[in-house]
Amino acid sequence: PNIITPYNDASDLERNNSFMKGYQVEIYNRYQQMIFEGTDGWDATYRGELATPGTYFYILTKKDGRVLKGTVEVYRK
């Protein structure tokens, strides 16, 4: 997935509230500052708060060691 919707919006019953669960990811904001690094995906938080809607950059390390780069959008209706 390249869009996540972590907000508790009751009308959004099929929301995707995490990004690449089960994988090691690094998340960067548009200023190239790392805002998250973890081994079980990203829950779209930054400093304990939900991340601001927008586009973020990621580096994902797959279980076989391959590294993928791309963008993920945090979206709010």
PDB file of N, CA and C in Angstrom:
ATOM      1  N   PRO A   1       0.836  -1.204   0.000  1.00  0.00           N
ATOM      2  CA  PRO A   1       0.000   0.000   0.000  1.00  0.00           C
ATOM      3  C   PRO A   1       0.867   1.248   0.000  1.00  0.00           C
ATOM      4  N   ASN A   2       0.406   2.295  -0.645  1.00  0.00           N
ATOM      5  CA  ASN A   2       1.155   3.547  -0.594  1.00  0.00           C
ATOM      6  C   ASN A   2       0.339   4.676   0.013  1.00  0.00           C
ATOM      7  N   ILE A   3      -0.837   4.357   0.574  1.00  0.00           N
ATOM      8  CA  ILE A   3      -1.647   5.330   1.308  1.00  0.00           C
ATOM      9  C   ILE A   3      -2.063   4.684   2.622  1.00  0.00           C
ATOM     10  N   ILE A   4      -1.897   5.424   3.718  1.00  0.00           N
ATOM     11  CA  ILE A   4      -2.404   4.942   4.992  1.00  0.00           C
ATOM     12  C   ILE A   4      -3.343   5.979   5.585  1.00  0.00           C
ATOM     13  N   THR A   5      -4.357   5.516   6.278  1.00  0.00           N
ATOM     14  CA  THR A   5      -5.365   6.383   6.880  1.00  0.00           C
ATOM     15  C   THR A   5      -5.495   6.023   8.358  1.00  0.00           C
ATOM     16  N   PRO A   6      -4.614   6.556   9.197  1.00  0.00           N
ATOM     17  CA  PRO A   6      -4.595   6.148  10.600  1.00  0.00           C
ATOM     18  C   PRO A   6      -5.615   6.842  11.495  1.00  0.00           C
ATOM     19  N   TYR A   7      -6.414   7.721  10.951  1.00  0.00           N
ATOM     20  CA  TYR A   7      -7.334   8.504  11.766  1.00  0.00           C
ATOM     21  C   TYR A   7      -8.586   7.707  12.088  1.00  0.00           C
ATOM     22  N   ASN A   8      -9.126   7.896  13.255  1.00  0.00           N
ATOM     23  CA  ASN A   8     -10.323   7.184  13.702  1.00  0.00           C
ATOM     24  C   ASN A   8     -11.569   7.833  13.129  1.00  0.00           C
ATOM     25  N   ASP A   9     -11.805   7.591  11.875  1.00  0.00           N
ATOM     26  CA  ASP A   9     -12.965   8.119  11.180  1.00  0.00           C
ATOM     27  C   ASP A   9     -13.974   6.980  11.057  1.00  0.00           C
ATOM     28  N   ALA A  10     -15.091   7.079  11.779  1.00  0.00           N
ATOM     29  CA  ALA A  10     -16.071   5.991  11.816  1.00  0.00           C
ATOM     30  C   ALA A  10     -16.627   5.655  10.438  1.00  0.00           C
ATOM     31  N   SER A  11     -16.597   6.582   9.513  1.00  0.00           N
ATOM     32  CA  SER A  11     -17.135   6.305   8.178  1.00  0.00           C
ATOM     33  C   SER A  11     -16.152   5.519   7.314  1.00  0.00           C
ATOM     34  N   ASP A  12     -14.940   5.381   7.768  1.00  0.00           N
ATOM     35  CA  ASP A  12     -13.908   4.694   7.001  1.00  0.00           C
ATOM     36  C   ASP A  12     -13.672   3.309   7.603  1.00  0.00           C
ATOM     37  N   LEU A  13     -14.548   2.359   7.296  1.00  0.00           N
ATOM     38  CA  LEU A  13     -14.513   1.052   7.921  1.00  0.00           C
ATOM     39  C   LEU A  13     -13.361   0.185   7.438  1.00  0.00           C
ATOM     40  N   GLU A  14     -12.828   0.465   6.268  1.00  0.00           N
ATOM     41  CA  GLU A  14     -11.747  -0.349   5.722  1.00  0.00           C
ATOM     42  C   GLU A  14     -10.436   0.413   5.708  1.00  0.00           C
ATOM     43  N   ARG A  15     -10.180   1.162   6.720  1.00  0.00           N
ATOM     44  CA  ARG A  15      -8.963   1.973   6.731  1.00  0.00           C
ATOM     45  C   ARG A  15      -7.719   1.117   6.872  1.00  0.00           C
ATOM     46  N   ASN A  16      -6.663   1.610   6.327  1.00  0.00           N
ATOM     47  CA  ASN A  16      -5.361   0.961   6.420  1.00  0.00           C
ATOM     48  C   ASN A  16      -4.542   1.832   7.356  1.00  0.00           C
ATOM     49  N   ASN A  17      -4.389   1.415   8.618  1.00  0.00           N
ATOM     50  CA  ASN A  17      -3.785   2.295   9.598  1.00  0.00           C
ATOM     51  C   ASN A  17      -2.330   1.974   9.939  1.00  0.00           C
ATOM     52  N   SER A  18      -1.679   1.161   9.131  1.00  0.00           N
ATOM     53  CA  SER A  18      -0.241   0.958   9.308  1.00  0.00           C
ATOM     54  C   SER A  18       0.400   0.714   7.942  1.00  0.00           C
ATOM     55  N   PHE A  19       1.688   0.938   7.892  1.00  0.00           N
ATOM     56  CA  PHE A  19       2.425   0.816   6.641  1.00  0.00           C
ATOM     57  C   PHE A  19       3.475  -0.272   6.783  1.00  0.00           C
ATOM     58  N   MET A  20       3.372  -1.323   5.975  1.00  0.00           N
ATOM     59  CA  MET A  20       4.341  -2.410   5.861  1.00  0.00           C
ATOM     60  C   MET A  20       4.612  -3.101   7.199  1.00  0.00           C
ATOM     61  N   LYS A  21       3.541  -3.456   7.874  1.00  0.00           N
ATOM     62  CA  LYS A  21       3.642  -4.179   9.147  1.00  0.00           C
ATOM     63  C   LYS A  21       4.465  -5.454   8.939  1.00  0.00           C
ATOM     64  N   GLY A  22       5.391  -5.698   9.845  1.00  0.00           N
ATOM     65  CA  GLY A  22       6.248  -6.877   9.769  1.00  0.00           C
ATOM     66  C   GLY A  22       7.568  -6.645   9.062  1.00  0.00           C
ATOM     67  N   TYR A  23       7.808  -5.421   8.594  1.00  0.00           N
ATOM     68  CA  TYR A  23       9.052  -5.117   7.876  1.00  0.00           C
ATOM     69  C   TYR A  23       9.802  -3.986   8.556  1.00  0.00           C
ATOM     70  N   GLN A  24      11.108  -3.956   8.328  1.00  0.00           N
ATOM     71  CA  GLN A  24      11.926  -2.859   8.829  1.00  0.00           C
ATOM     72  C   GLN A  24      11.759  -1.671   7.890  1.00  0.00           C
ATOM     73  N   VAL A  25      11.398  -0.516   8.454  1.00  0.00           N
ATOM     74  CA  VAL A  25      11.221   0.681   7.641  1.00  0.00           C
ATOM     75  C   VAL A  25      11.864   1.890   8.314  1.00  0.00           C
ATOM     76  N   GLU A  26      12.266   2.807   7.474  1.00  0.00           N
ATOM     77  CA  GLU A  26      12.687   4.136   7.898  1.00  0.00           C
ATOM     78  C   GLU A  26      11.757   5.097   7.173  1.00  0.00           C
ATOM     79  N   ILE A  27      11.258   6.094   7.887  1.00  0.00           N
ATOM     80  CA  ILE A  27      10.340   7.074   7.307  1.00  0.00           C
ATOM     81  C   ILE A  27      10.978   8.450   7.435  1.00  0.00           C
ATOM     82  N   TYR A  28      10.914   9.208   6.340  1.00  0.00           N
ATOM     83  CA  TYR A  28      11.492  10.550   6.290  1.00  0.00           C
ATOM     84  C   TYR A  28      10.433  11.559   5.871  1.00  0.00           C
ATOM     85  N   ASN A  29      10.517  12.774   6.431  1.00  0.00           N
ATOM     86  CA  ASN A  29       9.603  13.831   5.995  1.00  0.00           C
ATOM     87  C   ASN A  29      10.173  14.517   4.749  1.00  0.00           C
ATOM     88  N   ARG A  30       9.480  15.530   4.288  1.00  0.00           N
ATOM     89  CA  ARG A  30       9.908  16.188   3.043  1.00  0.00           C
ATOM     90  C   ARG A  30      11.203  16.978   3.189  1.00  0.00           C
ATOM     91  N   TYR A  31      11.657  17.162   4.427  1.00  0.00           N
ATOM     92  CA  TYR A  31      12.919  17.852   4.673  1.00  0.00           C
ATOM     93  C   TYR A  31      14.072  16.863   4.855  1.00  0.00           C
ATOM     94  N   GLN A  32      13.817  15.603   4.543  1.00  0.00           N
ATOM     95  CA  GLN A  32      14.783  14.510   4.632  1.00  0.00           C
ATOM     96  C   GLN A  32      15.213  14.221   6.064  1.00  0.00           C
ATOM     97  N   GLN A  33      14.340  14.528   7.027  1.00  0.00           N
ATOM     98  CA  GLN A  33      14.600  14.211   8.423  1.00  0.00           C
ATOM     99  C   GLN A  33      13.937  12.872   8.733  1.00  0.00           C
ATOM    100  N   MET A  34      14.696  11.952   9.334  1.00  0.00           N
ATOM    101  CA  MET A  34      14.102  10.676   9.712  1.00  0.00           C
ATOM    102  C   MET A  34      13.127  10.915  10.866  1.00  0.00           C
ATOM    103  N   ILE A  35      11.892  10.474  10.684  1.00  0.00           N
ATOM    104  CA  ILE A  35      10.899  10.641  11.743  1.00  0.00           C
ATOM    105  C   ILE A  35      10.503   9.312  12.379  1.00  0.00           C
ATOM    106  N   PHE A  36      10.925   8.209  11.767  1.00  0.00           N
ATOM    107  CA  PHE A  36      10.599   6.899  12.325  1.00  0.00           C
ATOM    108  C   PHE A  36      11.591   5.871  11.805  1.00  0.00           C
ATOM    109  N   GLU A  37      11.930   4.930  12.697  1.00  0.00           N
ATOM    110  CA  GLU A  37      12.708   3.760  12.306  1.00  0.00           C
ATOM    111  C   GLU A  37      12.221   2.614  13.177  1.00  0.00           C
ATOM    112  N   GLY A  38      11.859   1.509  12.565  1.00  0.00           N
ATOM    113  CA  GLY A  38      11.368   0.381  13.329  1.00  0.00           C
ATOM    114  C   GLY A  38      11.376  -0.905  12.533  1.00  0.00           C
ATOM    115  N   THR A  39      11.121  -2.017  13.231  1.00  0.00           N
ATOM    116  CA  THR A  39      11.185  -3.330  12.604  1.00  0.00           C
ATOM    117  C   THR A  39       9.813  -3.969  12.389  1.00  0.00           C
ATOM    118  N   ASP A  40       8.733  -3.249  12.689  1.00  0.00           N
ATOM    119  CA  ASP A  40       7.396  -3.801  12.511  1.00  0.00           C
ATOM    120  C   ASP A  40       6.475  -2.807  11.822  1.00  0.00           C
ATOM    121  N   GLY A  41       6.963  -2.188  10.766  1.00  0.00           N
ATOM    122  CA  GLY A  41       6.149  -1.226  10.033  1.00  0.00           C
ATOM    123  C   GLY A  41       6.029   0.098  10.756  1.00  0.00           C
ATOM    124  N   TRP A  42       5.235   0.993  10.176  1.00  0.00           N
ATOM    125  CA  TRP A  42       5.029   2.338  10.716  1.00  0.00           C
ATOM    126  C   TRP A  42       3.558   2.542  10.987  1.00  0.00           C
ATOM    127  N   ASP A  43       3.231   3.021  12.165  1.00  0.00           N
ATOM    128  CA  ASP A  43       1.835   3.257  12.533  1.00  0.00           C
ATOM    129  C   ASP A  43       1.397   4.700  12.297  1.00  0.00           C
ATOM    130  N   ALA A  44       2.167   5.442  11.521  1.00  0.00           N
ATOM    131  CA  ALA A  44       1.869   6.830  11.141  1.00  0.00           C
ATOM    132  C   ALA A  44       1.876   7.780  12.328  1.00  0.00           C
ATOM    133  N   THR A  45       2.781   7.518  13.280  1.00  0.00           N
ATOM    134  CA  THR A  45       2.939   8.457  14.382  1.00  0.00           C
ATOM    135  C   THR A  45       4.312   9.103  14.321  1.00  0.00           C
ATOM    136  N   TYR A  46       4.392  10.275  14.936  1.00  0.00           N
ATOM    137  CA  TYR A  46       5.645  11.003  15.053  1.00  0.00           C
ATOM    138  C   TYR A  46       5.619  11.691  16.405  1.00  0.00           C
ATOM    139  N   ARG A  47       6.570  11.359  17.246  1.00  0.00           N
ATOM    140  CA  ARG A  47       6.655  11.904  18.610  1.00  0.00           C
ATOM    141  C   ARG A  47       5.353  11.706  19.384  1.00  0.00           C
ATOM    142  N   GLY A  48       4.756  10.525  19.228  1.00  0.00           N
ATOM    143  CA  GLY A  48       3.569  10.173  19.983  1.00  0.00           C
ATOM    144  C   GLY A  48       2.250  10.714  19.444  1.00  0.00           C
ATOM    145  N   GLU A  49       2.294  11.447  18.363  1.00  0.00           N
ATOM    146  CA  GLU A  49       1.091  12.025  17.746  1.00  0.00           C
ATOM    147  C   GLU A  49       0.939  11.454  16.346  1.00  0.00           C
ATOM    148  N   LEU A  50      -0.281  11.466  15.822  1.00  0.00           N
ATOM    149  CA  LEU A  50      -0.475  11.049  14.432  1.00  0.00           C
ATOM    150  C   LEU A  50       0.257  12.009  13.508  1.00  0.00           C
ATOM    151  N   ALA A  51       0.892  11.473  12.503  1.00  0.00           N
ATOM    152  CA  ALA A  51       1.645  12.293  11.547  1.00  0.00           C
ATOM    153  C   ALA A  51       0.700  13.202  10.780  1.00  0.00           C
ATOM    154  N   THR A  52       1.203  14.346  10.401  1.00  0.00           N
ATOM    155  CA  THR A  52       0.447  15.284   9.593  1.00  0.00           C
ATOM    156  C   THR A  52       0.178  14.662   8.228  1.00  0.00           C
ATOM    157  N   PRO A  53      -1.054  14.795   7.712  1.00  0.00           N
ATOM    158  CA  PRO A  53      -1.317  14.267   6.365  1.00  0.00           C
ATOM    159  C   PRO A  53      -0.313  14.837   5.360  1.00  0.00           C
ATOM    160  N   GLY A  54       0.110  14.007   4.441  1.00  0.00           N
ATOM    161  CA  GLY A  54       1.064  14.421   3.427  1.00  0.00           C
ATOM    162  C   GLY A  54       1.855  13.230   2.925  1.00  0.00           C
ATOM    163  N   THR A  55       2.868  13.523   2.133  1.00  0.00           N
ATOM    164  CA  THR A  55       3.697  12.483   1.534  1.00  0.00           C
ATOM    165  C   THR A  55       4.993  12.333   2.321  1.00  0.00           C
ATOM    166  N   TYR A  56       5.347  11.103   2.597  1.00  0.00           N
ATOM    167  CA  TYR A  56       6.563  10.763   3.320  1.00  0.00           C
ATOM    168  C   TYR A  56       7.377   9.794   2.465  1.00  0.00           C
ATOM    169  N   PHE A  57       8.660   9.788   2.679  1.00  0.00           N
ATOM    170  CA  PHE A  57       9.556   8.902   1.943  1.00  0.00           C
ATOM    171  C   PHE A  57       9.929   7.724   2.836  1.00  0.00           C
ATOM    172  N   TYR A  58      10.102   6.560   2.240  1.00  0.00           N
ATOM    173  CA  TYR A  58      10.460   5.396   3.043  1.00  0.00           C
ATOM    174  C   TYR A  58      11.622   4.642   2.427  1.00  0.00           C
ATOM    175  N   ILE A  59      12.337   3.939   3.308  1.00  0.00           N
ATOM    176  CA  ILE A  59      13.325   2.936   2.923  1.00  0.00           C
ATOM    177  C   ILE A  59      12.885   1.668   3.640  1.00  0.00           C
ATOM    178  N   LEU A  60      12.610   0.637   2.876  1.00  0.00           N
ATOM    179  CA  LEU A  60      12.095  -0.615   3.403  1.00  0.00           C
ATOM    180  C   LEU A  60      13.123  -1.712   3.167  1.00  0.00           C
ATOM    181  N   THR A  61      13.424  -2.471   4.204  1.00  0.00           N
ATOM    182  CA  THR A  61      14.313  -3.611   4.059  1.00  0.00           C
ATOM    183  C   THR A  61      13.464  -4.869   4.121  1.00  0.00           C
ATOM    184  N   LYS A  62      13.464  -5.607   3.009  1.00  0.00           N
ATOM    185  CA  LYS A  62      12.681  -6.837   2.947  1.00  0.00           C
ATOM    186  C   LYS A  62      13.392  -7.944   3.708  1.00  0.00           C
ATOM    187  N   LYS A  63      12.668  -9.002   3.989  1.00  0.00           N
ATOM    188  CA  LYS A  63      13.221 -10.104   4.778  1.00  0.00           C
ATOM    189  C   LYS A  63      14.389 -10.794   4.091  1.00  0.00           C
ATOM    190  N   ASP A  64      14.454 -10.693   2.749  1.00  0.00           N
ATOM    191  CA  ASP A  64      15.576 -11.298   2.024  1.00  0.00           C
ATOM    192  C   ASP A  64      16.756 -10.329   1.884  1.00  0.00           C
ATOM    193  N   GLY A  65      16.664  -9.144   2.517  1.00  0.00           N
ATOM    194  CA  GLY A  65      17.752  -8.177   2.505  1.00  0.00           C
ATOM    195  C   GLY A  65      17.646  -7.113   1.433  1.00  0.00           C
ATOM    196  N   ARG A  66      16.725  -7.274   0.475  1.00  0.00           N
ATOM    197  CA  ARG A  66      16.572  -6.253  -0.564  1.00  0.00           C
ATOM    198  C   ARG A  66      16.051  -4.959   0.052  1.00  0.00           C
ATOM    199  N   VAL A  67      16.498  -3.843  -0.492  1.00  0.00           N
ATOM    200  CA  VAL A  67      16.092  -2.529  -0.006  1.00  0.00           C
ATOM    201  C   VAL A  67      15.248  -1.856  -1.072  1.00  0.00           C
ATOM    202  N   LEU A  68      14.085  -1.370  -0.675  1.00  0.00           N
ATOM    203  CA  LEU A  68      13.182  -0.658  -1.575  1.00  0.00           C
ATOM    204  C   LEU A  68      12.991   0.757  -1.063  1.00  0.00           C
ATOM    205  N   LYS A  69      12.826   1.699  -1.981  1.00  0.00           N
ATOM    206  CA  LYS A  69      12.597   3.101  -1.623  1.00  0.00           C
ATOM    207  C   LYS A  69      11.360   3.588  -2.345  1.00  0.00           C
ATOM    208  N   GLY A  70      10.648   4.508  -1.715  1.00  0.00           N
ATOM    209  CA  GLY A  70       9.457   5.047  -2.349  1.00  0.00           C
ATOM    210  C   GLY A  70       8.784   6.066  -1.460  1.00  0.00           C
ATOM    211  N   THR A  71       7.515   6.326  -1.748  1.00  0.00           N
ATOM    212  CA  THR A  71       6.733   7.281  -0.967  1.00  0.00           C
ATOM    213  C   THR A  71       5.471   6.617  -0.438  1.00  0.00           C
ATOM    214  N   VAL A  72       5.003   7.150   0.671  1.00  0.00           N
ATOM    215  CA  VAL A  72       3.739   6.724   1.252  1.00  0.00           C
ATOM    216  C   VAL A  72       2.985   8.000   1.641  1.00  0.00           C
ATOM    217  N   GLU A  73       1.702   8.009   1.420  1.00  0.00           N
ATOM    218  CA  GLU A  73       0.886   9.171   1.739  1.00  0.00           C
ATOM    219  C   GLU A  73       0.061   8.888   2.973  1.00  0.00           C
ATOM    220  N   VAL A  74       0.121   9.807   3.937  1.00  0.00           N
ATOM    221  CA  VAL A  74      -0.777   9.755   5.083  1.00  0.00           C
ATOM    222  C   VAL A  74      -1.974  10.603   4.693  1.00  0.00           C
ATOM    223  N   TYR A  75      -3.153   9.984   4.718  1.00  0.00           N
ATOM    224  CA  TYR A  75      -4.357  10.620   4.187  1.00  0.00           C
ATOM    225  C   TYR A  75      -5.412  10.728   5.263  1.00  0.00           C
ATOM    226  N   ARG A  76      -6.116  11.833   5.261  1.00  0.00           N
ATOM    227  CA  ARG A  76      -7.266  12.022   6.142  1.00  0.00           C
ATOM    228  C   ARG A  76      -8.416  12.593   5.343  1.00  0.00           C
ATOM    229  N   LYS A  77      -9.576  11.947   5.470  1.00  0.00           N
ATOM    230  CA  LYS A  77     -10.775  12.424   4.750  1.00  0.00           C
ATOM    231  C   LYS A  77     -11.208  13.760   5.262  1.00  0.00           C
TER     232      LYS A  77
END
